[in-house]
Amino acid sequence: MTWEMDLKIIQEDAEKKGEKKGRLAGKKEKALEIAKSLKEKGKLSDSEIAEVTALPLCEVAAL
């Protein structure tokens, strides 16, 4: 392999990791929005909201 090919592989790998990181951040943001909405309704406990959204209890409690 040439160094150009190596560089291309490294760049593609970095792009894939960046895309994955972006998707994960988007999923967490959506989970936080849902948790906030559920808390505002006041029908579920923080622990139930944490279980449903897969967020840590401390993050739900801080909303």
PDB file of N, CA and C in Angstrom:
ATOM      1  N   MET A   1       0.833  -1.193   0.000  1.00  0.00           N
ATOM      2  CA  MET A   1       0.000   0.000   0.000  1.00  0.00           C
ATOM      3  C   MET A   1       0.872   1.248   0.000  1.00  0.00           C
ATOM      4  N   THR A   2       0.355   2.239  -0.653  1.00  0.00           N
ATOM      5  CA  THR A   2       1.063   3.510  -0.643  1.00  0.00           C
ATOM      6  C   THR A   2       0.548   4.345   0.524  1.00  0.00           C
ATOM      7  N   TRP A   3       1.283   5.376   0.844  1.00  0.00           N
ATOM      8  CA  TRP A   3       0.852   6.225   1.957  1.00  0.00           C
ATOM      9  C   TRP A   3      -0.440   6.951   1.618  1.00  0.00           C
ATOM     10  N   GLU A   4      -0.711   7.197   0.322  1.00  0.00           N
ATOM     11  CA  GLU A   4      -1.972   7.824  -0.082  1.00  0.00           C
ATOM     12  C   GLU A   4      -3.149   6.916   0.232  1.00  0.00           C
ATOM     13  N   MET A   5      -2.966   5.622  -0.009  1.00  0.00           N
ATOM     14  CA  MET A   5      -4.019   4.661   0.288  1.00  0.00           C
ATOM     15  C   MET A   5      -4.243   4.567   1.792  1.00  0.00           C
ATOM     16  N   ASP A   6      -3.150   4.554   2.547  1.00  0.00           N
ATOM     17  CA  ASP A   6      -3.254   4.536   4.001  1.00  0.00           C
ATOM     18  C   ASP A   6      -3.994   5.767   4.509  1.00  0.00           C
ATOM     19  N   LEU A   7      -3.663   6.917   3.971  1.00  0.00           N
ATOM     20  CA  LEU A   7      -4.295   8.165   4.371  1.00  0.00           C
ATOM     21  C   LEU A   7      -5.791   8.138   4.067  1.00  0.00           C
ATOM     22  N   LYS A   8      -6.153   7.612   2.910  1.00  0.00           N
ATOM     23  CA  LYS A   8      -7.566   7.527   2.529  1.00  0.00           C
ATOM     24  C   LYS A   8      -8.324   6.626   3.497  1.00  0.00           C
ATOM     25  N   ILE A   9      -7.741   5.510   3.858  1.00  0.00           N
ATOM     26  CA  ILE A   9      -8.371   4.587   4.812  1.00  0.00           C
ATOM     27  C   ILE A   9      -8.534   5.262   6.165  1.00  0.00           C
ATOM     28  N   ILE A  10      -7.541   5.966   6.612  1.00  0.00           N
ATOM     29  CA  ILE A  10      -7.608   6.671   7.900  1.00  0.00           C
ATOM     30  C   ILE A  10      -8.689   7.745   7.864  1.00  0.00           C
ATOM     31  N   GLN A  11      -8.776   8.488   6.772  1.00  0.00           N
ATOM     32  CA  GLN A  11      -9.793   9.534   6.646  1.00  0.00           C
ATOM     33  C   GLN A  11     -11.198   8.945   6.632  1.00  0.00           C
ATOM     34  N   GLU A  12     -11.383   7.858   5.913  1.00  0.00           N
ATOM     35  CA  GLU A  12     -12.697   7.214   5.869  1.00  0.00           C
ATOM     36  C   GLU A  12     -13.097   6.704   7.243  1.00  0.00           C
ATOM     37  N   ASP A  13     -12.142   6.140   7.970  1.00  0.00           N
ATOM     38  CA  ASP A  13     -12.412   5.644   9.319  1.00  0.00           C
ATOM     39  C   ASP A  13     -12.800   6.797  10.242  1.00  0.00           C
ATOM     40  N   ALA A  14     -12.106   7.906  10.141  1.00  0.00           N
ATOM     41  CA  ALA A  14     -12.405   9.071  10.968  1.00  0.00           C
ATOM     42  C   ALA A  14     -13.799   9.624  10.658  1.00  0.00           C
ATOM     43  N   GLU A  15     -14.167   9.628   9.383  1.00  0.00           N
ATOM     44  CA  GLU A  15     -15.500  10.096   8.994  1.00  0.00           C
ATOM     45  C   GLU A  15     -16.585   9.199   9.575  1.00  0.00           C
ATOM     46  N   LYS A  16     -16.375   7.894   9.514  1.00  0.00           N
ATOM     47  CA  LYS A  16     -17.348   6.949  10.062  1.00  0.00           C
ATOM     48  C   LYS A  16     -17.502   7.146  11.562  1.00  0.00           C
ATOM     49  N   LYS A  17     -16.381   7.333  12.252  1.00  0.00           N
ATOM     50  CA  LYS A  17     -16.444   7.558  13.700  1.00  0.00           C
ATOM     51  C   LYS A  17     -17.164   8.859  14.010  1.00  0.00           C
ATOM     52  N   GLY A  18     -16.929   9.886  13.222  1.00  0.00           N
ATOM     53  CA  GLY A  18     -17.596  11.166  13.416  1.00  0.00           C
ATOM     54  C   GLY A  18     -19.089  11.063  13.199  1.00  0.00           C
ATOM     55  N   GLU A  19     -19.492  10.327  12.181  1.00  0.00           N
ATOM     56  CA  GLU A  19     -20.910  10.123  11.908  1.00  0.00           C
ATOM     57  C   GLU A  19     -21.572   9.371  13.050  1.00  0.00           C
ATOM     58  N   LYS A  20     -20.900   8.350  13.555  1.00  0.00           N
ATOM     59  CA  LYS A  20     -21.449   7.565  14.661  1.00  0.00           C
ATOM     60  C   LYS A  20     -21.597   8.444  15.902  1.00  0.00           C
ATOM     61  N   LYS A  21     -20.596   9.248  16.158  1.00  0.00           N
ATOM     62  CA  LYS A  21     -20.636  10.137  17.317  1.00  0.00           C
ATOM     63  C   LYS A  21     -21.802  11.121  17.193  1.00  0.00           C
ATOM     64  N   GLY A  22     -22.019  11.625  15.998  1.00  0.00           N
ATOM     65  CA  GLY A  22     -23.119  12.548  15.753  1.00  0.00           C
ATOM     66  C   GLY A  22     -24.478  11.891  15.958  1.00  0.00           C
ATOM     67  N   ARG A  23     -24.611  10.656  15.507  1.00  0.00           N
ATOM     68  CA  ARG A  23     -25.874   9.933  15.696  1.00  0.00           C
ATOM     69  C   ARG A  23     -26.137   9.694  17.179  1.00  0.00           C
ATOM     70  N   LEU A  24     -25.106   9.328  17.907  1.00  0.00           N
ATOM     71  CA  LEU A  24     -25.273   9.080  19.337  1.00  0.00           C
ATOM     72  C   LEU A  24     -25.666  10.360  20.074  1.00  0.00           C
ATOM     73  N   ALA A  25     -25.055  11.464  19.700  1.00  0.00           N
ATOM     74  CA  ALA A  25     -25.398  12.739  20.317  1.00  0.00           C
ATOM     75  C   ALA A  25     -26.848  13.103  20.012  1.00  0.00           C
ATOM     76  N   GLY A  26     -27.283  12.839  18.800  1.00  0.00           N
ATOM     77  CA  GLY A  26     -28.669  13.113  18.425  1.00  0.00           C
ATOM     78  C   GLY A  26     -29.652  12.253  19.195  1.00  0.00           C
ATOM     79  N   LYS A  27     -29.311  10.993  19.393  1.00  0.00           N
ATOM     80  CA  LYS A  27     -30.177  10.099  20.161  1.00  0.00           C
ATOM     81  C   LYS A  27     -30.280  10.554  21.613  1.00  0.00           C
ATOM     82  N   LYS A  28     -29.164  10.971  22.182  1.00  0.00           N
ATOM     83  CA  LYS A  28     -29.192  11.421  23.572  1.00  0.00           C
ATOM     84  C   LYS A  28     -30.020  12.694  23.703  1.00  0.00           C
ATOM     85  N   GLU A  29     -29.872  13.608  22.751  1.00  0.00           N
ATOM     86  CA  GLU A  29     -30.646  14.849  22.778  1.00  0.00           C
ATOM     87  C   GLU A  29     -32.142  14.541  22.723  1.00  0.00           C
ATOM     88  N   LYS A  30     -32.526  13.593  21.876  1.00  0.00           N
ATOM     89  CA  LYS A  30     -33.930  13.212  21.770  1.00  0.00           C
ATOM     90  C   LYS A  30     -34.415  12.580  23.067  1.00  0.00           C
ATOM     91  N   ALA A  31     -33.595  11.726  23.676  1.00  0.00           N
ATOM     92  CA  ALA A  31     -33.965  11.101  24.949  1.00  0.00           C
ATOM     93  C   ALA A  31     -34.154  12.164  26.035  1.00  0.00           C
ATOM     94  N   LEU A  32     -33.303  13.184  26.042  1.00  0.00           N
ATOM     95  CA  LEU A  32     -33.444  14.265  27.017  1.00  0.00           C
ATOM     96  C   LEU A  32     -34.736  15.049  26.791  1.00  0.00           C
ATOM     97  N   GLU A  33     -35.081  15.288  25.534  1.00  0.00           N
ATOM     98  CA  GLU A  33     -36.333  15.982  25.220  1.00  0.00           C
ATOM     99  C   GLU A  33     -37.536  15.179  25.716  1.00  0.00           C
ATOM    100  N   ILE A  34     -37.501  13.880  25.482  1.00  0.00           N
ATOM    101  CA  ILE A  34     -38.594  13.015  25.917  1.00  0.00           C
ATOM    102  C   ILE A  34     -38.676  13.007  27.439  1.00  0.00           C
ATOM    103  N   ALA A  35     -37.538  12.880  28.104  1.00  0.00           N
ATOM    104  CA  ALA A  35     -37.515  12.863  29.568  1.00  0.00           C
ATOM    105  C   ALA A  35     -38.075  14.164  30.137  1.00  0.00           C
ATOM    106  N   LYS A  36     -37.688  15.269  29.547  1.00  0.00           N
ATOM    107  CA  LYS A  36     -38.183  16.562  30.019  1.00  0.00           C
ATOM    108  C   LYS A  36     -39.703  16.637  29.862  1.00  0.00           C
ATOM    109  N   SER A  37     -40.191  16.192  28.740  1.00  0.00           N
ATOM    110  CA  SER A  37     -41.631  16.193  28.489  1.00  0.00           C
ATOM    111  C   SER A  37     -42.364  15.298  29.487  1.00  0.00           C
ATOM    112  N   LEU A  38     -41.822  14.125  29.745  1.00  0.00           N
ATOM    113  CA  LEU A  38     -42.443  13.218  30.707  1.00  0.00           C
ATOM    114  C   LEU A  38     -42.439  13.808  32.117  1.00  0.00           C
ATOM    115  N   LYS A  39     -41.355  14.471  32.488  1.00  0.00           N
ATOM    116  CA  LYS A  39     -41.296  15.101  33.814  1.00  0.00           C
ATOM    117  C   LYS A  39     -42.345  16.197  33.941  1.00  0.00           C
ATOM    118  N   GLU A  40     -42.524  16.974  32.879  1.00  0.00           N
ATOM    119  CA  GLU A  40     -43.508  18.054  32.902  1.00  0.00           C
ATOM    120  C   GLU A  40     -44.923  17.522  33.085  1.00  0.00           C
ATOM    121  N   LYS A  41     -45.198  16.337  32.546  1.00  0.00           N
ATOM    122  CA  LYS A  41     -46.517  15.728  32.707  1.00  0.00           C
ATOM    123  C   LYS A  41     -46.736  15.249  34.136  1.00  0.00           C
ATOM    124  N   GLY A  42     -45.650  14.923  34.837  1.00  0.00           N
ATOM    125  CA  GLY A  42     -45.719  14.563  36.248  1.00  0.00           C
ATOM    126  C   GLY A  42     -46.366  13.229  36.563  1.00  0.00           C
ATOM    127  N   LYS A  43     -46.475  12.333  35.597  1.00  0.00           N
ATOM    128  CA  LYS A  43     -47.138  11.054  35.854  1.00  0.00           C
ATOM    129  C   LYS A  43     -46.169   9.909  36.150  1.00  0.00           C
ATOM    130  N   LEU A  44     -44.892  10.119  35.846  1.00  0.00           N
ATOM    131  CA  LEU A  44     -43.885   9.083  36.084  1.00  0.00           C
ATOM    132  C   LEU A  44     -42.827   9.606  37.047  1.00  0.00           C
ATOM    133  N   SER A  45     -42.241   8.683  37.794  1.00  0.00           N
ATOM    134  CA  SER A  45     -41.144   9.056  38.682  1.00  0.00           C
ATOM    135  C   SER A  45     -39.865   9.226  37.868  1.00  0.00           C
ATOM    136  N   ASP A  46     -38.874   9.862  38.467  1.00  0.00           N
ATOM    137  CA  ASP A  46     -37.586  10.028  37.786  1.00  0.00           C
ATOM    138  C   ASP A  46     -36.977   8.679  37.418  1.00  0.00           C
ATOM    139  N   SER A  47     -37.114   7.695  38.301  1.00  0.00           N
ATOM    140  CA  SER A  47     -36.528   6.382  38.008  1.00  0.00           C
ATOM    141  C   SER A  47     -37.260   5.698  36.853  1.00  0.00           C
ATOM    142  N   GLU A  48     -38.566   5.886  36.749  1.00  0.00           N
ATOM    143  CA  GLU A  48     -39.305   5.318  35.627  1.00  0.00           C
ATOM    144  C   GLU A  48     -38.908   5.996  34.313  1.00  0.00           C
ATOM    145  N   ILE A  49     -38.750   7.310  34.361  1.00  0.00           N
ATOM    146  CA  ILE A  49     -38.332   8.049  33.174  1.00  0.00           C
ATOM    147  C   ILE A  49     -36.931   7.613  32.751  1.00  0.00           C
ATOM    148  N   ALA A  50     -36.045   7.440  33.710  1.00  0.00           N
ATOM    149  CA  ALA A  50     -34.687   6.995  33.402  1.00  0.00           C
ATOM    150  C   ALA A  50     -34.706   5.621  32.749  1.00  0.00           C
ATOM    151  N   GLU A  51     -35.567   4.754  33.238  1.00  0.00           N
ATOM    152  CA  GLU A  51     -35.667   3.407  32.670  1.00  0.00           C
ATOM    153  C   GLU A  51     -36.201   3.453  31.237  1.00  0.00           C
ATOM    154  N   VAL A  52     -37.219   4.256  31.003  1.00  0.00           N
ATOM    155  CA  VAL A  52     -37.837   4.337  29.682  1.00  0.00           C
ATOM    156  C   VAL A  52     -36.899   4.971  28.656  1.00  0.00           C
ATOM    157  N   THR A  53     -36.176   6.004  29.059  1.00  0.00           N
ATOM    158  CA  THR A  53     -35.320   6.736  28.125  1.00  0.00           C
ATOM    159  C   THR A  53     -33.887   6.218  28.065  1.00  0.00           C
ATOM    160  N   ALA A  54     -33.527   5.325  28.972  1.00  0.00           N
ATOM    161  CA  ALA A  54     -32.161   4.794  29.081  1.00  0.00           C
ATOM    162  C   ALA A  54     -31.155   5.881  29.445  1.00  0.00           C
ATOM    163  N   LEU A  55     -31.640   6.940  30.115  1.00  0.00           N
ATOM    164  CA  LEU A  55     -30.750   7.990  30.618  1.00  0.00           C
ATOM    165  C   LEU A  55     -30.379   7.684  32.065  1.00  0.00           C
ATOM    166  N   PRO A  56     -29.220   8.155  32.502  1.00  0.00           N
ATOM    167  CA  PRO A  56     -28.881   7.980  33.916  1.00  0.00           C
ATOM    168  C   PRO A  56     -29.864   8.749  34.804  1.00  0.00           C
ATOM    169  N   LEU A  57     -30.182   8.167  35.942  1.00  0.00           N
ATOM    170  CA  LEU A  57     -31.128   8.787  36.867  1.00  0.00           C
ATOM    171  C   LEU A  57     -30.700  10.199  37.257  1.00  0.00           C
ATOM    172  N   CYS A  58     -29.406  10.416  37.441  1.00  0.00           N
ATOM    173  CA  CYS A  58     -28.929  11.742  37.830  1.00  0.00           C
ATOM    174  C   CYS A  58     -29.233  12.791  36.768  1.00  0.00           C
ATOM    175  N   GLU A  59     -29.199  12.401  35.509  1.00  0.00           N
ATOM    176  CA  GLU A  59     -29.517  13.357  34.431  1.00  0.00           C
ATOM    177  C   GLU A  59     -31.005  13.676  34.404  1.00  0.00           C
ATOM    178  N   VAL A  60     -31.824  12.653  34.634  1.00  0.00           N
ATOM    179  CA  VAL A  60     -33.266  12.882  34.673  1.00  0.00           C
ATOM    180  C   VAL A  60     -33.627  13.760  35.866  1.00  0.00           C
ATOM    181  N   ALA A  61     -33.036  13.479  37.000  1.00  0.00           N
ATOM    182  CA  ALA A  61     -33.322  14.272  38.205  1.00  0.00           C
ATOM    183  C   ALA A  61     -32.907  15.729  38.030  1.00  0.00           C
ATOM    184  N   ALA A  62     -31.895  15.977  37.230  1.00  0.00           N
ATOM    185  CA  ALA A  62     -31.390  17.342  37.039  1.00  0.00           C
ATOM    186  C   ALA A  62     -32.262  18.168  36.090  1.00  0.00           C
ATOM    187  N   LEU A  63     -33.185  17.531  35.403  1.00  0.00           N
ATOM    188  CA  LEU A  63     -34.037  18.262  34.457  1.00  0.00           C
ATOM    189  C   LEU A  63     -35.047  19.147  35.176  1.00  0.00           C
TER     190      LEU A  63
END
